Amino acid sequence: QMDLVESGGGLVQTGASLTLSCKSFNQHFSSYNIGWFRQTRGQEREFVAAVDWSGVGTHYTDSVQGRFTVFRNNAKNTAYLQMNNLQLEDTAVYYCAAAFSGSTWDSWGQGTQVTVSS
């Protein structure tokens, strides 16, 4: 497992952009796939996007495809979620998670709040 720290959340208006960061101080960060998830009160945590260990492979849930971009900088032990054209339904606590190849998401950050207002 590894420690993950998210940052970059905030309060924005619809149509705005935010970039979330997920930083680890684990020396093996570059070996782990990183996922982004979000959760609203009373709802289950849902998958948003993921990037593989190399940064080449990415995957998105349909609702964010074309608006969100997931990428990473292994030299900085940091993964990012760039969110454009934010909508009210994107309001949630966003979490990053790490998984070694073929395993489950077993390391989680503390979350960062994203609030989109009209």
C-alpha atoms as a PDB file:
ATOM      1  CA  GLN A   1       0.000   0.000   0.000  1.00  0.00           C
ATOM      2  CA  MET A   2       1.001   3.618  -0.413  1.00  0.00           C
ATOM      3  CA  ASP A   3       0.034   6.974   0.991  1.00  0.00           C
ATOM      4  CA  LEU A   4      -1.810   9.181  -1.472  1.00  0.00           C
ATOM      5  CA  VAL A   5      -2.641  12.843  -1.000  1.00  0.00           C
ATOM      6  CA  GLU A   6      -5.180  14.617  -3.208  1.00  0.00           C
ATOM      7  CA  SER A   7      -5.331  18.353  -3.714  1.00  0.00           C
ATOM      8  CA  GLY A   8      -6.810  20.897  -6.077  1.00  0.00           C
ATOM      9  CA  GLY A   9     -10.494  20.725  -5.253  1.00  0.00           C
ATOM     10  CA  GLY A  10     -12.609  23.804  -4.806  1.00  0.00           C
ATOM     11  CA  LEU A  11     -15.776  25.707  -5.608  1.00  0.00           C
ATOM     12  CA  VAL A  12     -16.278  26.665  -9.246  1.00  0.00           C
ATOM     13  CA  GLN A  13     -19.110  27.642 -11.560  1.00  0.00           C
ATOM     14  CA  THR A  14     -20.489  25.489 -14.343  1.00  0.00           C
ATOM     15  CA  GLY A  15     -18.234  25.425 -17.359  1.00  0.00           C
ATOM     16  CA  ALA A  16     -15.092  26.060 -15.350  1.00  0.00           C
ATOM     17  CA  SER A  17     -11.998  23.864 -15.098  1.00  0.00           C
ATOM     18  CA  LEU A  18     -10.061  22.323 -12.235  1.00  0.00           C
ATOM     19  CA  THR A  19      -7.044  20.063 -12.081  1.00  0.00           C
ATOM     20  CA  LEU A  20      -6.764  17.616  -9.201  1.00  0.00           C
ATOM     21  CA  SER A  21      -3.433  16.205  -8.086  1.00  0.00           C
ATOM     22  CA  CYS A  22      -2.653  12.892  -6.412  1.00  0.00           C
ATOM     23  CA  LYS A  23       0.807  12.709  -4.902  1.00  0.00           C
ATOM     24  CA  SER A  24       2.628   9.802  -3.341  1.00  0.00           C
ATOM     25  CA  PHE A  25       5.942   9.650  -1.501  1.00  0.00           C
ATOM     26  CA  ASN A  26       6.276   5.942  -2.205  1.00  0.00           C
ATOM     27  CA  GLN A  27       9.313   5.064  -4.299  1.00  0.00           C
ATOM     28  CA  HIS A  28       7.280   2.479  -6.203  1.00  0.00           C
ATOM     29  CA  PHE A  29       4.636   4.956  -7.418  1.00  0.00           C
ATOM     30  CA  SER A  30       5.622   4.451 -11.051  1.00  0.00           C
ATOM     31  CA  SER A  31       4.735   0.755 -10.808  1.00  0.00           C
ATOM     32  CA  TYR A  32       1.125   1.367  -9.823  1.00  0.00           C
ATOM     33  CA  ASN A  33      -1.973   2.131 -11.844  1.00  0.00           C
ATOM     34  CA  ILE A  34      -3.822   5.203 -10.531  1.00  0.00           C
ATOM     35  CA  GLY A  35      -7.566   5.617 -10.510  1.00  0.00           C
ATOM     36  CA  TRP A  36      -9.858   8.522  -9.764  1.00  0.00           C
ATOM     37  CA  PHE A  37     -13.214   7.957  -8.096  1.00  0.00           C
ATOM     38  CA  ARG A  38     -15.913  10.258  -6.763  1.00  0.00           C
ATOM     39  CA  GLN A  39     -18.647  10.027  -4.208  1.00  0.00           C
ATOM     40  CA  THR A  40     -21.619  12.162  -3.306  1.00  0.00           C
ATOM     41  CA  ARG A  41     -23.500  11.955  -0.015  1.00  0.00           C
ATOM     42  CA  GLY A  42     -25.671   8.891   0.146  1.00  0.00           C
ATOM     43  CA  GLN A  43     -24.277   7.429  -3.059  1.00  0.00           C
ATOM     44  CA  GLU A  44     -21.759   4.720  -3.725  1.00  0.00           C
ATOM     45  CA  ARG A  45     -18.283   5.658  -4.819  1.00  0.00           C
ATOM     46  CA  GLU A  46     -18.061   5.599  -8.608  1.00  0.00           C
ATOM     47  CA  PHE A  47     -15.183   5.172 -10.994  1.00  0.00           C
ATOM     48  CA  VAL A  48     -14.206   8.276 -12.959  1.00  0.00           C
ATOM     49  CA  ALA A  49     -10.917   7.621 -14.748  1.00  0.00           C
ATOM     50  CA  ALA A  50      -7.698   5.652 -14.561  1.00  0.00           C
ATOM     51  CA  VAL A  51      -4.183   5.756 -15.955  1.00  0.00           C
ATOM     52  CA  ASP A  52      -1.849   2.813 -16.087  1.00  0.00           C
ATOM     53  CA  TRP A  53       1.628   2.774 -14.582  1.00  0.00           C
ATOM     54  CA  SER A  54       3.244   3.982 -17.804  1.00  0.00           C
ATOM     55  CA  GLY A  55       0.836   6.811 -18.444  1.00  0.00           C
ATOM     56  CA  VAL A  56      -0.019   5.444 -21.854  1.00  0.00           C
ATOM     57  CA  GLY A  57      -3.216   3.561 -21.070  1.00  0.00           C
ATOM     58  CA  THR A  58      -6.217   5.539 -19.875  1.00  0.00           C
ATOM     59  CA  HIS A  59      -9.877   4.779 -19.253  1.00  0.00           C
ATOM     60  CA  TYR A  60     -12.882   6.989 -18.506  1.00  0.00           C
ATOM     61  CA  THR A  61     -16.446   6.589 -17.450  1.00  0.00           C
ATOM     62  CA  ASP A  62     -18.837   7.706 -20.173  1.00  0.00           C
ATOM     63  CA  SER A  63     -20.093  10.801 -18.368  1.00  0.00           C
ATOM     64  CA  VAL A  64     -16.649  12.447 -18.305  1.00  0.00           C
ATOM     65  CA  GLN A  65     -15.265  11.232 -21.627  1.00  0.00           C
ATOM     66  CA  GLY A  66     -14.094  14.219 -23.639  1.00  0.00           C
ATOM     67  CA  ARG A  67     -14.212  16.588 -20.640  1.00  0.00           C
ATOM     68  CA  PHE A  68     -11.737  14.995 -18.202  1.00  0.00           C
ATOM     69  CA  THR A  69      -8.150  13.967 -18.856  1.00  0.00           C
ATOM     70  CA  VAL A  70      -6.117  11.708 -16.579  1.00  0.00           C
ATOM     71  CA  PHE A  71      -2.332  11.746 -16.775  1.00  0.00           C
ATOM     72  CA  ARG A  72       0.707  11.320 -14.589  1.00  0.00           C
ATOM     73  CA  ASN A  73       4.271  12.478 -14.072  1.00  0.00           C
ATOM     74  CA  ASN A  74       6.206   9.607 -12.539  1.00  0.00           C
ATOM     75  CA  ALA A  75       9.263  11.787 -11.991  1.00  0.00           C
ATOM     76  CA  LYS A  76       7.109  13.829  -9.598  1.00  0.00           C
ATOM     77  CA  ASN A  77       5.247  10.822  -8.156  1.00  0.00           C
ATOM     78  CA  THR A  78       2.024  12.611  -9.064  1.00  0.00           C
ATOM     79  CA  ALA A  79      -1.093  11.804 -11.055  1.00  0.00           C
ATOM     80  CA  TYR A  80      -3.574  14.385 -12.244  1.00  0.00           C
ATOM     81  CA  LEU A  81      -7.191  14.688 -13.256  1.00  0.00           C
ATOM     82  CA  GLN A  82      -7.836  17.667 -15.483  1.00  0.00           C
ATOM     83  CA  MET A  83     -11.533  18.490 -15.464  1.00  0.00           C
ATOM     84  CA  ASN A  84     -12.974  20.835 -18.084  1.00  0.00           C
ATOM     85  CA  ASN A  85     -16.502  22.110 -18.624  1.00  0.00           C
ATOM     86  CA  LEU A  86     -17.549  21.109 -15.135  1.00  0.00           C
ATOM     87  CA  GLN A  87     -21.236  20.472 -14.588  1.00  0.00           C
ATOM     88  CA  LEU A  88     -23.430  20.450 -11.496  1.00  0.00           C
ATOM     89  CA  GLU A  89     -23.435  16.647 -11.507  1.00  0.00           C
ATOM     90  CA  ASP A  90     -19.647  16.611 -11.156  1.00  0.00           C
ATOM     91  CA  THR A  91     -20.006  17.865  -7.595  1.00  0.00           C
ATOM     92  CA  ALA A  92     -18.512  15.207  -5.320  1.00  0.00           C
ATOM     93  CA  VAL A  93     -15.594  14.237  -3.147  1.00  0.00           C
ATOM     94  CA  TYR A  94     -12.885  12.998  -5.471  1.00  0.00           C
ATOM     95  CA  TYR A  95     -10.494  10.252  -4.396  1.00  0.00           C
ATOM     96  CA  CYS A  96      -7.429   8.801  -6.023  1.00  0.00           C
ATOM     97  CA  ALA A  97      -6.463   5.174  -5.559  1.00  0.00           C
ATOM     98  CA  ALA A  98      -3.545   2.949  -6.453  1.00  0.00           C
ATOM     99  CA  ALA A  99      -3.456  -0.621  -7.661  1.00  0.00           C
ATOM    100  CA  PHE A 100      -0.557  -2.823  -8.623  1.00  0.00           C
ATOM    101  CA  SER A 101      -1.059  -4.487 -11.982  1.00  0.00           C
ATOM    102  CA  GLY A 102      -3.850  -7.036 -11.847  1.00  0.00           C
ATOM    103  CA  SER A 103      -4.839  -6.279  -8.273  1.00  0.00           C
ATOM    104  CA  THR A 104      -7.626  -4.273  -6.674  1.00  0.00           C
ATOM    105  CA  TRP A 105      -7.571  -0.628  -5.664  1.00  0.00           C
ATOM    106  CA  ASP A 106      -6.119  -1.016  -2.186  1.00  0.00           C
ATOM    107  CA  SER A 107      -4.583   2.378  -1.409  1.00  0.00           C
ATOM    108  CA  TRP A 108      -6.785   5.449  -1.137  1.00  0.00           C
ATOM    109  CA  GLY A 109      -6.301   9.131  -0.514  1.00  0.00           C
ATOM    110  CA  GLN A 110      -8.376  11.197   1.875  1.00  0.00           C
ATOM    111  CA  GLY A 111     -10.384  12.906  -0.855  1.00  0.00           C
ATOM    112  CA  THR A 112     -10.792  16.452  -2.089  1.00  0.00           C
ATOM    113  CA  GLN A 113     -14.115  18.254  -2.452  1.00  0.00           C
ATOM    114  CA  VAL A 114     -15.215  19.586  -5.828  1.00  0.00           C
ATOM    115  CA  THR A 115     -18.316  21.747  -5.821  1.00  0.00           C
ATOM    116  CA  VAL A 116     -19.837  23.102  -9.023  1.00  0.00           C
ATOM    117  CA  SER A 117     -22.431  25.840  -8.732  1.00  0.00           C
ATOM    118  CA  SER A 118     -24.687  27.471 -11.311  1.00  0.00           C
END
